[in-house]
Amino acid sequence: MDFGELVPLMRRLALEAGDAIMAVYDGPDFQVRAKDDASPVTIADEAADKIISDGLRSAFPDVVLITEEQAASHAQTATDFLIVDPLDGTKEFIQRRGDFTVNIAYVAGGVPVRGVVYAPAQGRLFLTLADGTSVEEAGPFASDRIGATRPIRVARPDNAALRVVASKSHRDAATDAYIANYAVADMKSAGSSLKFCLVATGEADFYPRLGRTMEWDTAAGDAVLRGAGGTVLQLEDHQPLTYGKPGWDNPFFLALAPGVALTR
């Protein structure tokens, strides 16, 4: 894979998808439908998916593409592939809460190695550069070139005063019970893959997820976090989270800065 070609393309497509999403977000009320799995979908999801999938297939026709909104793609198997969630945090989008994201990633050997996470309503753009390091780009964003960036890096956690970020829409009693095992000084709630990015930038130390996710929900944020020195581990055995699993389901996981003292 030519990362010098891939990264600018993923970034441009994320920005274009973000424009399409915001046109719906800022417009009049829109219809919300239920997919076969009962999760919500809107015309913004579908418009963003078309922009991204058309662009990726045109540039990389021989690379497997997995995208949330195209059920036929889920039947594929691969260890190297592109994976897309065109609008992660649809519930936040529907409620106009703002912390939804566009997610595009490339997985090699079961590991997300490059990714873009764009939060258009918040004006935040996180990406891995061609060399694999992660940055946050300052807006306004030009589609044809990467602007001013700052390197991002996970913080050194204080286990006596951890900063935890948890899901805004999917937090439950099991998550709260797990978090209670730690000495927490600050608790944030955020939607979508932004939680990975808050750990990547050092704004949080730890993101536990005790709930169902799919690989397209996590791959881009995982790539950004890894490029910032963080890691994502399976909750059960603390082994690295891998991708290309049958059915594309994730186990429960922990996204964290190295140095967080995990409990069993």
Protein backbone atom coordinates (compact mmCIF):
# COMPACT_ATOMS: atom_id res chain seq x y z
CA MET A 1 0.00 0.00 0.00
CA ASP A 2 1.26 3.46 -0.95
CA PHE A 3 0.56 5.45 2.22
CA GLY A 4 1.70 8.65 0.53
CA GLU A 5 -1.29 8.26 -1.78
CA LEU A 6 -3.70 6.71 0.72
CA VAL A 7 -3.50 9.19 3.58
CA PRO A 8 -4.30 12.36 1.58
CA LEU A 9 -7.12 10.49 -0.15
CA MET A 10 -8.66 9.28 3.10
CA ARG A 11 -8.39 12.79 4.50
CA ARG A 12 -10.02 14.39 1.44
CA LEU A 13 -12.86 11.89 1.36
CA ALA A 14 -13.49 12.37 5.08
CA LEU A 15 -13.74 16.12 4.56
CA GLU A 16 -16.09 15.73 1.59
CA ALA A 17 -18.23 13.28 3.54
CA GLY A 18 -18.26 15.72 6.46
CA ASP A 19 -19.58 18.47 4.18
CA ALA A 20 -22.40 16.18 3.04
CA ILE A 21 -23.23 15.26 6.63
CA MET A 22 -23.30 18.88 7.78
CA ALA A 23 -25.60 19.86 4.92
CA VAL A 24 -28.16 17.50 6.43
CA TYR A 25 -27.30 18.35 10.05
CA ASP A 26 -27.76 22.08 9.48
CA GLY A 27 -30.91 21.64 7.39
CA PRO A 28 -34.54 20.95 8.29
CA ASP A 29 -35.66 17.79 10.05
CA PHE A 30 -34.66 14.59 8.30
CA GLN A 31 -36.07 11.09 8.25
CA VAL A 32 -34.57 8.41 10.47
CA ARG A 33 -34.98 4.77 9.43
CA ALA A 34 -34.11 1.52 11.19
CA LYS A 35 -31.71 -0.93 9.58
CA ASP A 36 -32.09 -4.69 9.84
CA ASP A 37 -30.16 -4.67 13.12
CA ALA A 38 -32.49 -1.94 14.47
CA SER A 39 -29.74 0.70 14.47
CA PRO A 40 -30.69 4.09 13.02
CA VAL A 41 -29.64 5.37 9.59
CA THR A 42 -30.21 8.70 7.81
CA ILE A 43 -29.61 10.17 4.39
CA ALA A 44 -26.42 11.68 5.83
CA ASP A 45 -25.01 8.19 6.53
CA GLU A 46 -25.83 7.11 3.00
CA ALA A 47 -24.48 10.23 1.29
CA ALA A 48 -21.22 10.04 3.22
CA ASP A 49 -20.87 6.33 2.50
CA LYS A 50 -21.25 6.88 -1.25
CA ILE A 51 -18.62 9.62 -1.32
CA ILE A 52 -16.09 7.56 0.59
CA SER A 53 -16.69 4.16 -0.98
CA ASP A 54 -16.73 5.53 -4.53
CA GLY A 55 -13.47 7.37 -3.90
CA LEU A 56 -11.70 4.42 -2.32
CA ARG A 57 -12.86 1.91 -4.92
CA SER A 58 -11.75 4.20 -7.74
CA ALA A 59 -8.26 4.62 -6.29
CA PHE A 60 -7.77 1.12 -4.88
CA PRO A 61 -10.02 -1.25 -6.83
CA ASP A 62 -8.12 -4.36 -5.75
CA VAL A 63 -8.22 -3.67 -2.00
CA VAL A 64 -11.05 -5.19 0.02
CA LEU A 65 -13.42 -2.49 1.29
CA ILE A 66 -15.65 -3.02 4.33
CA THR A 67 -18.20 -0.33 5.03
CA GLU A 68 -20.95 -0.25 7.63
CA GLU A 69 -23.66 0.89 5.26
CA GLN A 70 -23.10 -1.79 2.62
CA ALA A 71 -24.18 -5.11 4.09
CA ALA A 72 -22.84 -7.05 1.11
CA SER A 73 -19.31 -5.99 2.04
CA HIS A 74 -19.62 -7.68 5.43
CA ALA A 75 -19.48 -11.14 3.85
CA GLN A 76 -15.89 -10.58 2.75
CA THR A 77 -12.87 -11.82 4.71
CA ALA A 78 -9.41 -10.29 4.71
CA THR A 79 -6.41 -9.41 6.84
CA ASP A 80 -5.52 -6.33 4.74
CA PHE A 81 -8.45 -4.05 3.95
CA LEU A 82 -9.99 -0.59 4.03
CA ILE A 83 -12.79 -0.13 6.55
CA VAL A 84 -15.26 2.74 6.83
CA ASP A 85 -17.89 4.07 9.19
CA PRO A 86 -19.18 7.07 7.25
CA LEU A 87 -21.08 8.49 10.23
CA ASP A 88 -20.13 7.09 13.61
CA GLY A 89 -22.43 8.33 16.34
CA THR A 90 -25.68 8.46 14.38
CA LYS A 91 -27.58 8.85 17.66
CA GLU A 92 -25.54 11.96 18.47
CA PHE A 93 -26.18 13.22 14.94
CA ILE A 94 -29.94 12.67 15.22
CA GLN A 95 -30.04 14.49 18.54
CA ARG A 96 -27.79 17.23 17.11
CA ARG A 97 -25.24 16.79 19.89
CA GLY A 98 -22.25 17.30 17.61
CA ASP A 99 -19.82 14.56 18.67
CA PHE A 100 -20.18 12.30 15.65
CA THR A 101 -17.35 11.38 13.31
CA VAL A 102 -16.33 10.19 9.86
CA ASN A 103 -13.99 7.19 10.10
CA ILE A 104 -11.73 5.70 7.44
CA ALA A 105 -8.92 3.24 8.16
CA TYR A 106 -6.54 0.81 6.52
CA VAL A 107 -5.82 -2.48 8.27
CA ALA A 108 -2.68 -4.50 7.48
CA GLY A 109 -2.14 -7.93 8.96
CA GLY A 110 -5.10 -7.46 11.26
CA VAL A 111 -3.73 -4.16 12.68
CA PRO A 112 -5.18 -0.70 11.90
CA VAL A 113 -2.08 1.15 10.69
CA ARG A 114 -3.50 4.32 9.12
CA GLY A 115 -6.67 6.20 9.90
CA VAL A 116 -8.61 9.45 9.71
CA VAL A 117 -11.20 10.60 12.25
CA TYR A 118 -13.07 13.78 11.37
CA ALA A 119 -15.61 15.44 13.67
CA PRO A 120 -17.19 18.01 11.31
CA ALA A 121 -19.51 19.65 13.84
CA GLN A 122 -16.60 20.18 16.22
CA GLY A 123 -14.04 21.15 13.60
CA ARG A 124 -11.54 18.52 14.78
CA LEU A 125 -9.53 16.34 12.41
CA PHE A 126 -7.19 13.59 13.54
CA LEU A 127 -5.07 11.49 11.20
CA THR A 128 -2.06 9.29 10.88
CA LEU A 129 0.53 10.62 8.49
CA ALA A 130 2.21 8.46 5.84
CA ASP A 131 4.91 7.51 8.37
CA GLY A 132 2.29 6.26 10.84
CA THR A 133 2.57 9.05 13.41
CA SER A 134 -0.62 10.77 14.52
CA VAL A 135 -1.43 14.46 14.37
CA GLU A 136 -4.35 16.81 14.83
CA GLU A 137 -4.83 19.27 12.00
CA ALA A 138 -5.98 22.82 12.68
CA GLY A 139 -8.82 24.19 10.58
CA PRO A 140 -10.03 25.59 8.32
CA PHE A 141 -9.41 22.48 6.22
CA ALA A 142 -8.48 22.60 2.54
CA SER A 143 -9.40 19.44 0.66
CA ASP A 144 -6.31 19.45 -1.56
CA ARG A 145 -3.58 19.77 1.09
CA ILE A 146 -2.86 19.01 4.71
CA GLY A 147 -2.67 22.23 6.72
CA ALA A 148 -0.95 23.06 9.97
CA THR A 149 -0.70 20.07 12.25
CA ARG A 150 0.51 19.31 15.75
CA PRO A 151 1.85 15.93 16.81
CA ILE A 152 -0.35 14.20 19.36
CA ARG A 153 0.85 11.87 22.07
CA VAL A 154 -0.76 9.98 24.91
CA ALA A 155 -0.23 11.31 28.42
CA ARG A 156 1.70 9.63 31.21
CA PRO A 157 -1.13 8.43 33.45
CA ASP A 158 -1.29 8.89 37.20
CA ASN A 159 -2.94 5.73 38.51
CA ALA A 160 -3.98 7.58 41.66
CA ALA A 161 -5.91 10.12 39.55
CA LEU A 162 -6.94 8.66 36.20
CA ARG A 163 -8.89 10.57 33.60
CA VAL A 164 -11.50 8.30 32.04
CA VAL A 165 -13.69 8.83 28.99
CA ALA A 166 -16.77 6.68 28.42
CA SER A 167 -19.55 6.38 25.90
CA LYS A 168 -22.26 9.02 25.93
CA SER A 169 -25.01 6.87 24.40
CA HIS A 170 -24.00 3.37 25.50
CA ARG A 171 -22.73 3.72 29.05
CA ASP A 172 -24.29 1.18 31.39
CA ALA A 173 -24.08 -0.29 34.88
CA ALA A 174 -21.41 -2.83 33.84
CA THR A 175 -19.18 -0.01 32.56
CA ASP A 176 -19.66 1.99 35.74
CA ALA A 177 -18.87 -1.08 37.85
CA TYR A 178 -15.66 -1.66 35.92
CA ILE A 179 -14.58 1.98 36.19
CA ALA A 180 -15.19 1.80 39.95
CA ASN A 181 -12.11 -0.46 40.20
CA TYR A 182 -9.89 2.54 39.45
CA ALA A 183 -8.99 5.79 41.18
CA VAL A 184 -10.69 8.27 38.87
CA ALA A 185 -10.03 11.99 39.14
CA ASP A 186 -11.96 13.07 36.06
CA MET A 187 -14.75 11.48 34.03
CA LYS A 188 -15.76 12.60 30.55
CA SER A 189 -18.54 11.41 28.28
CA ALA A 190 -18.16 11.53 24.52
CA GLY A 191 -19.77 10.00 21.49
CA SER A 192 -18.34 8.05 18.57
CA SER A 193 -14.65 7.42 17.94
CA LEU A 194 -13.77 10.75 19.56
CA LYS A 195 -13.10 8.77 22.73
CA PHE A 196 -10.04 7.16 21.13
CA CYS A 197 -8.85 10.58 20.02
CA LEU A 198 -9.19 12.08 23.51
CA VAL A 199 -6.85 9.38 24.78
CA ALA A 200 -4.53 9.94 21.80
CA THR A 201 -4.22 13.66 22.52
CA GLY A 202 -3.63 13.15 26.23
CA GLU A 203 -7.00 14.65 27.20
CA ALA A 204 -7.91 11.31 28.81
CA ASP A 205 -5.93 8.27 29.93
CA PHE A 206 -8.37 5.45 29.53
CA TYR A 207 -11.47 4.43 27.56
CA PRO A 208 -13.12 1.14 28.63
CA ARG A 209 -15.82 -0.27 26.35
CA LEU A 210 -18.03 -2.98 27.82
CA GLY A 211 -20.54 -3.10 25.02
CA ARG A 212 -21.01 -4.24 21.46
CA THR A 213 -18.99 -2.53 18.74
CA MET A 214 -18.06 -3.43 15.20
CA GLU A 215 -14.65 -3.10 13.62
CA TRP A 216 -15.73 -0.12 11.50
CA ASP A 217 -16.65 1.69 14.74
CA THR A 218 -13.12 1.41 16.11
CA ALA A 219 -10.50 0.95 13.37
CA ALA A 220 -9.81 4.60 12.53
CA GLY A 221 -9.73 5.74 16.16
CA ASP A 222 -7.58 2.73 17.01
CA ALA A 223 -5.10 3.68 14.27
CA VAL A 224 -4.91 7.27 15.53
CA LEU A 225 -4.41 6.09 19.11
CA ARG A 226 -1.68 3.61 18.12
CA GLY A 227 0.08 6.33 16.13
CA ALA A 228 0.08 8.48 19.27
CA GLY A 229 1.68 5.77 21.41
CA GLY A 230 -1.48 4.22 22.84
CA THR A 231 -2.92 0.74 22.63
CA VAL A 232 -6.23 -1.10 22.47
CA LEU A 233 -6.54 -4.36 24.39
CA GLN A 234 -9.22 -7.00 24.73
CA LEU A 235 -10.88 -6.73 28.12
CA GLU A 236 -10.83 -10.45 28.85
CA ASP A 237 -7.15 -11.25 28.36
CA HIS A 238 -5.47 -7.86 27.79
CA GLN A 239 -4.17 -9.00 24.41
CA PRO A 240 -4.12 -6.51 21.49
CA LEU A 241 -7.41 -6.05 19.67
CA THR A 242 -7.16 -7.50 16.17
CA TYR A 243 -9.15 -6.88 13.01
CA GLY A 244 -10.56 -9.04 10.24
CA LYS A 245 -12.51 -11.20 12.69
CA PRO A 246 -15.45 -13.32 11.45
CA GLY A 247 -18.56 -11.16 11.41
CA TRP A 248 -16.50 -8.01 12.13
CA ASP A 249 -17.62 -7.96 15.79
CA ASN A 250 -15.31 -6.68 18.51
CA PRO A 251 -15.01 -8.11 22.01
CA PHE A 252 -15.15 -5.72 24.95
CA PHE A 253 -11.96 -3.65 24.97
CA LEU A 254 -9.80 -1.09 26.75
CA ALA A 255 -8.20 1.84 24.90
CA LEU A 256 -5.46 3.39 26.99
CA ALA A 257 -2.17 5.14 27.43
CA PRO A 258 0.66 2.81 28.45
CA GLY A 259 1.14 2.92 32.20
CA VAL A 260 -2.51 2.51 33.19
CA ALA A 261 -2.45 -0.27 35.80
CA LEU A 262 -5.21 -2.59 34.64
CA THR A 263 -7.32 -4.75 36.92
CA ARG A 264 -8.52 -8.20 35.93
